Amino acid sequence: MINKDLYEDLQLTIYKNYSNICFDVSGGADSAILLYFLVNYLDEYNNTANIHLVTCAKRPTGYSNAMQSVKVVNRIIELTSTKLIKSHYTFYSDTQHREDFVNLEEDWFDRGKIDISITGTTQNPPYNTPNEPVIDRAIYRDKGNFNKTIHYSKNNRPVHAPFLKRDKKFIAKLYKDNNLHEILLPYTRSCESHDKDETNNFTSHCGQCWWCWERNWAFESEGIVAI
């Protein structure tokens, strides 16, 4: 049972009045647990809402983002029995930039397909964190230009980023506190390695990239093996 104070803390209560919600799902731990909380909240308080999922499939990572997202979504449906997820749109790219999602979602908003967008973007670990990989650090630490939890882009489109001021250690604690570290976390993957050999053809974590380091840094604080 989810503590209802968590809904208030994450401001999921704003979704009581929205009909069509766009959700960015990556296949990683952050978006997975946020989607789990969202469907639980909506099933209880707004069960006529529609959730439209968006995923970026990256060629350099073997399109693993798309495949992992499907696994995550199927697992959440299995755990919650929700019927609110109505579509899952995947676009293909050699890179993954926030602007790609913004452009797509602004088009959907302009055409009346969605009322609000939600993303599971988290705060980065502190810069003085020991053992952080330095290769491509600036690139991997670029998580967009969000500057507050709820902000508005072109045409007054509402965007919600509940985890924006929390880092991945907060996410790890959510998994532990809600007993999801064994039943949902194993279906997620955070690796961004381009090497199919060291990732078993992009199905496992490489354990070397910045994203693997961040995941391990966070979940080991809760005594959880996540890589």
C-alpha atoms as a PDB file:
ATOM      1  CA  MET A   1       0.000   0.000   0.000  1.00  0.00           C
ATOM      2  CA  ILE A   2       1.407   3.378  -1.017  1.00  0.00           C
ATOM      3  CA  ASN A   3       1.526   6.035   1.695  1.00  0.00           C
ATOM      4  CA  LYS A   4      -0.847   8.719   0.463  1.00  0.00           C
ATOM      5  CA  ASP A   5       1.440  11.436   1.817  1.00  0.00           C
ATOM      6  CA  LEU A   6       3.780  10.456  -1.015  1.00  0.00           C
ATOM      7  CA  TYR A   7       1.191  11.579  -3.562  1.00  0.00           C
ATOM      8  CA  GLU A   8       1.209  15.022  -1.957  1.00  0.00           C
ATOM      9  CA  ASP A   9       4.995  15.093  -1.680  1.00  0.00           C
ATOM     10  CA  LEU A  10       5.418  14.323  -5.391  1.00  0.00           C
ATOM     11  CA  GLN A  11       2.501  16.622  -6.299  1.00  0.00           C
ATOM     12  CA  LEU A  12       0.741  13.808  -8.137  1.00  0.00           C
ATOM     13  CA  THR A  13      -2.490  15.333  -6.848  1.00  0.00           C
ATOM     14  CA  ILE A  14      -2.366  17.831  -9.716  1.00  0.00           C
ATOM     15  CA  TYR A  15      -3.364  15.002 -12.062  1.00  0.00           C
ATOM     16  CA  LYS A  16      -6.852  14.801 -10.619  1.00  0.00           C
ATOM     17  CA  ASN A  17      -8.068  17.258 -13.260  1.00  0.00           C
ATOM     18  CA  TYR A  18      -6.134  16.136 -16.348  1.00  0.00           C
ATOM     19  CA  SER A  19      -7.582  13.860 -19.019  1.00  0.00           C
ATOM     20  CA  ASN A  20      -4.629  13.116 -21.298  1.00  0.00           C
ATOM     21  CA  ILE A  21      -1.207  12.747 -19.724  1.00  0.00           C
ATOM     22  CA  CYS A  22       2.060  12.324 -21.621  1.00  0.00           C
ATOM     23  CA  PHE A  23       4.742  10.374 -19.761  1.00  0.00           C
ATOM     24  CA  ASP A  24       8.399   9.986 -20.789  1.00  0.00           C
ATOM     25  CA  VAL A  25       9.467   6.398 -20.070  1.00  0.00           C
ATOM     26  CA  SER A  26      13.106   5.410 -20.540  1.00  0.00           C
ATOM     27  CA  GLY A  27      13.272   1.921 -19.104  1.00  0.00           C
ATOM     28  CA  GLY A  28      15.356   3.219 -16.209  1.00  0.00           C
ATOM     29  CA  ALA A  29      14.671   3.160 -12.480  1.00  0.00           C
ATOM     30  CA  ASP A  30      13.464   6.773 -12.182  1.00  0.00           C
ATOM     31  CA  SER A  31      10.708   6.782 -14.785  1.00  0.00           C
ATOM     32  CA  ALA A  32       9.642   3.239 -13.847  1.00  0.00           C
ATOM     33  CA  ILE A  33       8.838   4.020 -10.230  1.00  0.00           C
ATOM     34  CA  LEU A  34       7.222   7.350 -11.117  1.00  0.00           C
ATOM     35  CA  LEU A  35       4.963   5.640 -13.646  1.00  0.00           C
ATOM     36  CA  TYR A  36       4.085   3.030 -11.017  1.00  0.00           C
ATOM     37  CA  PHE A  37       3.058   5.748  -8.548  1.00  0.00           C
ATOM     38  CA  LEU A  38       1.192   7.683 -11.234  1.00  0.00           C
ATOM     39  CA  VAL A  39      -1.001   4.790 -12.368  1.00  0.00           C
ATOM     40  CA  ASN A  40      -1.765   3.888  -8.751  1.00  0.00           C
ATOM     41  CA  TYR A  41      -2.799   7.464  -8.038  1.00  0.00           C
ATOM     42  CA  LEU A  42      -4.905   7.802 -11.187  1.00  0.00           C
ATOM     43  CA  ASP A  43      -6.602   4.434 -10.744  1.00  0.00           C
ATOM     44  CA  GLU A  44      -7.808   5.663  -7.361  1.00  0.00           C
ATOM     45  CA  TYR A  45      -8.547   9.336  -8.037  1.00  0.00           C
ATOM     46  CA  ASN A  46      -8.926   9.858 -11.801  1.00  0.00           C
ATOM     47  CA  ASN A  47      -9.672   6.531 -13.465  1.00  0.00           C
ATOM     48  CA  THR A  48     -10.964   8.105 -16.687  1.00  0.00           C
ATOM     49  CA  ALA A  49      -7.563   9.615 -17.523  1.00  0.00           C
ATOM     50  CA  ASN A  50      -5.487   8.433 -20.475  1.00  0.00           C
ATOM     51  CA  ILE A  51      -1.715   7.948 -20.269  1.00  0.00           C
ATOM     52  CA  HIS A  52       0.327   8.280 -23.459  1.00  0.00           C
ATOM     53  CA  LEU A  53       3.913   7.039 -23.169  1.00  0.00           C
ATOM     54  CA  VAL A  54       6.926   8.312 -25.130  1.00  0.00           C
ATOM     55  CA  THR A  55      10.286   6.550 -25.495  1.00  0.00           C
ATOM     56  CA  CYS A  56      13.449   7.372 -27.440  1.00  0.00           C
ATOM     57  CA  ALA A  57      15.142   4.372 -29.068  1.00  0.00           C
ATOM     58  CA  LYS A  58      18.864   5.055 -29.549  1.00  0.00           C
ATOM     59  CA  ARG A  59      20.750   3.274 -32.300  1.00  0.00           C
ATOM     60  CA  PRO A  60      24.191   3.352 -30.538  1.00  0.00           C
ATOM     61  CA  THR A  61      22.738   1.416 -27.597  1.00  0.00           C
ATOM     62  CA  GLY A  62      21.042  -1.161 -29.793  1.00  0.00           C
ATOM     63  CA  TYR A  63      17.626   0.467 -29.279  1.00  0.00           C
ATOM     64  CA  SER A  64      17.742  -1.062 -25.801  1.00  0.00           C
ATOM     65  CA  ASN A  65      15.835   1.910 -24.340  1.00  0.00           C
ATOM     66  CA  ALA A  66      12.766   0.905 -26.313  1.00  0.00           C
ATOM     67  CA  MET A  67      13.007  -2.779 -25.439  1.00  0.00           C
ATOM     68  CA  GLN A  68      13.578  -2.086 -21.743  1.00  0.00           C
ATOM     69  CA  SER A  69      10.695   0.388 -21.645  1.00  0.00           C
ATOM     70  CA  VAL A  70       8.327  -2.281 -22.923  1.00  0.00           C
ATOM     71  CA  LYS A  71       9.483  -4.631 -20.174  1.00  0.00           C
ATOM     72  CA  VAL A  72       8.941  -1.941 -17.554  1.00  0.00           C
ATOM     73  CA  VAL A  73       5.494  -0.991 -18.833  1.00  0.00           C
ATOM     74  CA  ASN A  74       4.358  -4.606 -19.044  1.00  0.00           C
ATOM     75  CA  ARG A  75       5.571  -5.214 -15.505  1.00  0.00           C
ATOM     76  CA  ILE A  76       3.730  -2.166 -14.157  1.00  0.00           C
ATOM     77  CA  ILE A  77       0.529  -3.284 -15.885  1.00  0.00           C
ATOM     78  CA  GLU A  78       1.033  -6.732 -14.364  1.00  0.00           C
ATOM     79  CA  LEU A  79       1.531  -5.275 -10.875  1.00  0.00           C
ATOM     80  CA  THR A  80      -1.307  -2.737 -10.995  1.00  0.00           C
ATOM     81  CA  SER A  81      -3.803  -4.126 -13.540  1.00  0.00           C
ATOM     82  CA  THR A  82      -4.171  -0.559 -14.794  1.00  0.00           C
ATOM     83  CA  LYS A  83      -6.060   0.079 -18.010  1.00  0.00           C
ATOM     84  CA  LEU A  84      -5.114   3.749 -18.193  1.00  0.00           C
ATOM     85  CA  ILE A  85      -2.075   3.338 -20.457  1.00  0.00           C
ATOM     86  CA  LYS A  86      -3.533   3.939 -23.914  1.00  0.00           C
ATOM     87  CA  SER A  87      -0.508   4.318 -26.200  1.00  0.00           C
ATOM     88  CA  HIS A  88       3.266   3.957 -26.311  1.00  0.00           C
ATOM     89  CA  TYR A  89       5.033   6.014 -28.970  1.00  0.00           C
ATOM     90  CA  THR A  90       8.698   5.329 -29.798  1.00  0.00           C
ATOM     91  CA  PHE A  91      10.895   7.592 -31.901  1.00  0.00           C
ATOM     92  CA  TYR A  92      14.349   6.668 -33.188  1.00  0.00           C
ATOM     93  CA  SER A  93      17.493   8.753 -32.837  1.00  0.00           C
ATOM     94  CA  ASP A  94      21.279   8.493 -32.709  1.00  0.00           C
ATOM     95  CA  THR A  95      21.197  10.693 -29.625  1.00  0.00           C
ATOM     96  CA  GLN A  96      18.720  11.498 -26.892  1.00  0.00           C
ATOM     97  CA  HIS A  97      18.097  15.133 -26.080  1.00  0.00           C
ATOM     98  CA  ARG A  98      15.358  16.730 -24.023  1.00  0.00           C
ATOM     99  CA  GLU A  99      14.535  18.919 -27.019  1.00  0.00           C
ATOM    100  CA  ASP A 100      13.387  15.847 -28.974  1.00  0.00           C
ATOM    101  CA  PHE A 101      10.739  15.137 -26.354  1.00  0.00           C
ATOM    102  CA  VAL A 102       9.817  18.814 -26.046  1.00  0.00           C
ATOM    103  CA  ASN A 103       9.205  19.228 -29.785  1.00  0.00           C
ATOM    104  CA  LEU A 104       7.077  16.101 -29.976  1.00  0.00           C
ATOM    105  CA  GLU A 105       5.043  16.930 -26.888  1.00  0.00           C
ATOM    106  CA  GLU A 106       4.486  20.533 -27.924  1.00  0.00           C
ATOM    107  CA  ASP A 107       3.052  19.256 -31.202  1.00  0.00           C
ATOM    108  CA  TRP A 108       0.749  16.860 -29.350  1.00  0.00           C
ATOM    109  CA  PHE A 109      -0.307  19.636 -26.969  1.00  0.00           C
ATOM    110  CA  ASP A 110      -1.035  22.028 -29.850  1.00  0.00           C
ATOM    111  CA  ARG A 111      -3.198  19.352 -31.497  1.00  0.00           C
ATOM    112  CA  GLY A 112      -5.098  18.653 -28.275  1.00  0.00           C
ATOM    113  CA  LYS A 113      -3.783  15.114 -27.831  1.00  0.00           C
ATOM    114  CA  ILE A 114      -2.294  15.792 -24.371  1.00  0.00           C
ATOM    115  CA  ASP A 115      -2.957  18.216 -21.511  1.00  0.00           C
ATOM    116  CA  ILE A 116       0.297  17.843 -19.550  1.00  0.00           C
ATOM    117  CA  SER A 117       3.713  16.147 -19.780  1.00  0.00           C
ATOM    118  CA  ILE A 118       5.554  14.338 -17.001  1.00  0.00           C
ATOM    119  CA  THR A 119       9.198  13.335 -16.788  1.00  0.00           C
ATOM    120  CA  GLY A 120      11.194  11.441 -14.163  1.00  0.00           C
ATOM    121  CA  THR A 121      14.327  13.579 -14.504  1.00  0.00           C
ATOM    122  CA  THR A 122      16.354  13.593 -11.275  1.00  0.00           C
ATOM    123  CA  GLN A 123      19.004  15.823  -9.752  1.00  0.00           C
ATOM    124  CA  ASN A 124      22.610  14.783 -10.350  1.00  0.00           C
ATOM    125  CA  PRO A 125      24.854  13.436  -7.588  1.00  0.00           C
ATOM    126  CA  PRO A 126      27.054  16.088  -5.958  1.00  0.00           C
ATOM    127  CA  TYR A 127      30.156  16.957  -7.957  1.00  0.00           C
ATOM    128  CA  ASN A 128      32.443  15.898  -5.101  1.00  0.00           C
ATOM    129  CA  THR A 129      31.093  12.336  -5.085  1.00  0.00           C
ATOM    130  CA  PRO A 130      34.035   9.880  -4.998  1.00  0.00           C
ATOM    131  CA  ASN A 131      34.842   7.582  -7.926  1.00  0.00           C
ATOM    132  CA  GLU A 132      32.649   9.339 -10.473  1.00  0.00           C
ATOM    133  CA  PRO A 133      33.795   8.539 -14.025  1.00  0.00           C
ATOM    134  CA  VAL A 134      35.205  11.643 -15.681  1.00  0.00           C
ATOM    135  CA  ILE A 135      34.754  10.542 -19.308  1.00  0.00           C
ATOM    136  CA  ASP A 136      31.877  12.459 -20.921  1.00  0.00           C
ATOM    137  CA  ARG A 137      30.918  13.736 -17.489  1.00  0.00           C
ATOM    138  CA  ALA A 138      29.605  17.040 -18.834  1.00  0.00           C
ATOM    139  CA  ILE A 139      27.437  15.268 -21.410  1.00  0.00           C
ATOM    140  CA  TYR A 140      25.909  12.816 -18.969  1.00  0.00           C
ATOM    141  CA  ARG A 141      25.272  15.525 -16.412  1.00  0.00           C
ATOM    142  CA  ASP A 142      23.270  17.619 -18.883  1.00  0.00           C
ATOM    143  CA  LYS A 143      19.678  16.901 -17.899  1.00  0.00           C
ATOM    144  CA  GLY A 144      18.002  19.869 -19.507  1.00  0.00           C
ATOM    145  CA  ASN A 145      17.050  23.361 -18.470  1.00  0.00           C
ATOM    146  CA  PHE A 146      14.444  22.576 -15.816  1.00  0.00           C
ATOM    147  CA  ASN A 147      14.587  25.118 -13.025  1.00  0.00           C
ATOM    148  CA  LYS A 148      11.548  24.281 -10.916  1.00  0.00           C
ATOM    149  CA  THR A 149       9.325  21.308 -10.223  1.00  0.00           C
ATOM    150  CA  ILE A 150       6.445  22.486 -12.396  1.00  0.00           C
ATOM    151  CA  HIS A 151       7.261  24.792 -15.281  1.00  0.00           C
ATOM    152  CA  TYR A 152       5.710  25.913 -18.521  1.00  0.00           C
ATOM    153  CA  SER A 153       7.077  25.922 -22.030  1.00  0.00           C
ATOM    154  CA  LYS A 154       5.754  27.299 -25.300  1.00  0.00           C
ATOM    155  CA  ASN A 155       1.990  27.845 -25.505  1.00  0.00           C
ATOM    156  CA  ASN A 156       1.665  27.430 -21.736  1.00  0.00           C
ATOM    157  CA  ARG A 157       2.038  23.650 -21.913  1.00  0.00           C
ATOM    158  CA  PRO A 158       2.345  22.332 -18.329  1.00  0.00           C
ATOM    159  CA  VAL A 159       5.287  20.048 -17.597  1.00  0.00           C
ATOM    160  CA  HIS A 160       5.745  18.234 -14.297  1.00  0.00           C
ATOM    161  CA  ALA A 161       9.086  16.906 -13.034  1.00  0.00           C
ATOM    162  CA  PRO A 162       8.418  15.569  -9.504  1.00  0.00           C
ATOM    163  CA  PHE A 163      11.963  14.231  -8.958  1.00  0.00           C
ATOM    164  CA  LEU A 164      13.795  17.280 -10.245  1.00  0.00           C
ATOM    165  CA  LYS A 165      15.114  18.396  -6.867  1.00  0.00           C
ATOM    166  CA  ARG A 166      15.855  14.830  -5.701  1.00  0.00           C
ATOM    167  CA  ASP A 167      18.815  12.684  -6.678  1.00  0.00           C
ATOM    168  CA  LYS A 168      18.864   8.952  -7.317  1.00  0.00           C
ATOM    169  CA  LYS A 169      19.446   8.123  -3.661  1.00  0.00           C
ATOM    170  CA  PHE A 170      15.913   9.384  -3.087  1.00  0.00           C
ATOM    171  CA  ILE A 171      14.734   7.032  -5.838  1.00  0.00           C
ATOM    172  CA  ALA A 172      16.569   4.112  -4.223  1.00  0.00           C
ATOM    173  CA  LYS A 173      14.856   4.872  -0.915  1.00  0.00           C
ATOM    174  CA  LEU A 174      11.461   4.931  -2.638  1.00  0.00           C
ATOM    175  CA  TYR A 175      12.115   1.472  -4.055  1.00  0.00           C
ATOM    176  CA  LYS A 176      13.142   0.138  -0.631  1.00  0.00           C
ATOM    177  CA  ASP A 177      10.368   1.841   1.360  1.00  0.00           C
ATOM    178  CA  ASN A 178       7.661   0.643  -1.050  1.00  0.00           C
ATOM    179  CA  ASN A 179       9.046  -2.901  -1.413  1.00  0.00           C
ATOM    180  CA  LEU A 180       9.638  -2.432  -5.136  1.00  0.00           C
ATOM    181  CA  HIS A 181      13.365  -3.239  -5.195  1.00  0.00           C
ATOM    182  CA  GLU A 182      12.669  -6.922  -5.873  1.00  0.00           C
ATOM    183  CA  ILE A 183       9.480  -6.786  -7.956  1.00  0.00           C
ATOM    184  CA  LEU A 184      10.059  -3.728 -10.213  1.00  0.00           C
ATOM    185  CA  LEU A 185      13.702  -2.620 -10.106  1.00  0.00           C
ATOM    186  CA  PRO A 186      15.037  -5.804 -11.819  1.00  0.00           C
ATOM    187  CA  TYR A 187      12.954  -4.923 -14.887  1.00  0.00           C
ATOM    188  CA  THR A 188      14.763  -1.582 -15.285  1.00  0.00           C
ATOM    189  CA  ARG A 189      18.087  -0.775 -16.917  1.00  0.00           C
ATOM    190  CA  SER A 190      20.092   2.455 -16.742  1.00  0.00           C
ATOM    191  CA  CYS A 191      23.167   1.594 -18.823  1.00  0.00           C
ATOM    192  CA  GLU A 192      24.146   3.791 -21.787  1.00  0.00           C
ATOM    193  CA  SER A 193      27.127   1.781 -23.033  1.00  0.00           C
ATOM    194  CA  HIS A 194      27.575   1.496 -26.801  1.00  0.00           C
ATOM    195  CA  ASP A 195      29.441  -1.815 -26.465  1.00  0.00           C
ATOM    196  CA  LYS A 196      27.225  -4.833 -27.168  1.00  0.00           C
ATOM    197  CA  ASP A 197      29.863  -7.290 -25.970  1.00  0.00           C
ATOM    198  CA  GLU A 198      30.238  -5.840 -22.470  1.00  0.00           C
ATOM    199  CA  THR A 199      26.440  -5.603 -22.107  1.00  0.00           C
ATOM    200  CA  ASN A 200      25.473  -9.033 -23.435  1.00  0.00           C
ATOM    201  CA  ASN A 201      24.006  -7.478 -26.572  1.00  0.00           C
ATOM    202  CA  PHE A 202      22.579  -4.508 -24.638  1.00  0.00           C
ATOM    203  CA  THR A 203      20.577  -6.630 -22.193  1.00  0.00           C
ATOM    204  CA  SER A 204      22.668  -6.146 -19.022  1.00  0.00           C
ATOM    205  CA  HIS A 205      24.567  -3.326 -17.331  1.00  0.00           C
ATOM    206  CA  CYS A 206      28.147  -2.670 -18.362  1.00  0.00           C
ATOM    207  CA  GLY A 207      28.997  -1.442 -14.866  1.00  0.00           C
ATOM    208  CA  GLN A 208      31.454   1.103 -16.317  1.00  0.00           C
ATOM    209  CA  CYS A 209      29.489   4.012 -17.805  1.00  0.00           C
ATOM    210  CA  TRP A 210      28.380   7.127 -15.921  1.00  0.00           C
ATOM    211  CA  TRP A 211      24.785   5.915 -15.678  1.00  0.00           C
ATOM    212  CA  CYS A 212      25.820   2.573 -14.184  1.00  0.00           C
ATOM    213  CA  TRP A 213      27.994   4.429 -11.691  1.00  0.00           C
ATOM    214  CA  GLU A 214      25.098   6.723 -10.682  1.00  0.00           C
ATOM    215  CA  ARG A 215      22.742   3.763 -10.276  1.00  0.00           C
ATOM    216  CA  ASN A 216      25.239   1.842  -8.160  1.00  0.00           C
ATOM    217  CA  TRP A 217      26.068   4.970  -6.097  1.00  0.00           C
ATOM    218  CA  ALA A 218      22.391   5.414  -5.262  1.00  0.00           C
ATOM    219  CA  PHE A 219      21.194   1.895  -4.597  1.00  0.00           C
ATOM    220  CA  GLU A 220      24.185   0.706  -2.600  1.00  0.00           C
ATOM    221  CA  SER A 221      23.178   3.341  -0.007  1.00  0.00           C
ATOM    222  CA  GLU A 222      20.045   1.238   0.594  1.00  0.00           C
ATOM    223  CA  GLY A 223      21.935  -2.051   0.523  1.00  0.00           C
ATOM    224  CA  ILE A 224      20.473  -2.939  -2.864  1.00  0.00           C
ATOM    225  CA  VAL A 225      22.485  -4.579  -5.623  1.00  0.00           C
ATOM    226  CA  ALA A 226      21.189  -2.888  -8.782  1.00  0.00           C
ATOM    227  CA  ILE A 227      23.888  -3.651 -11.364  1.00  0.00           C
END
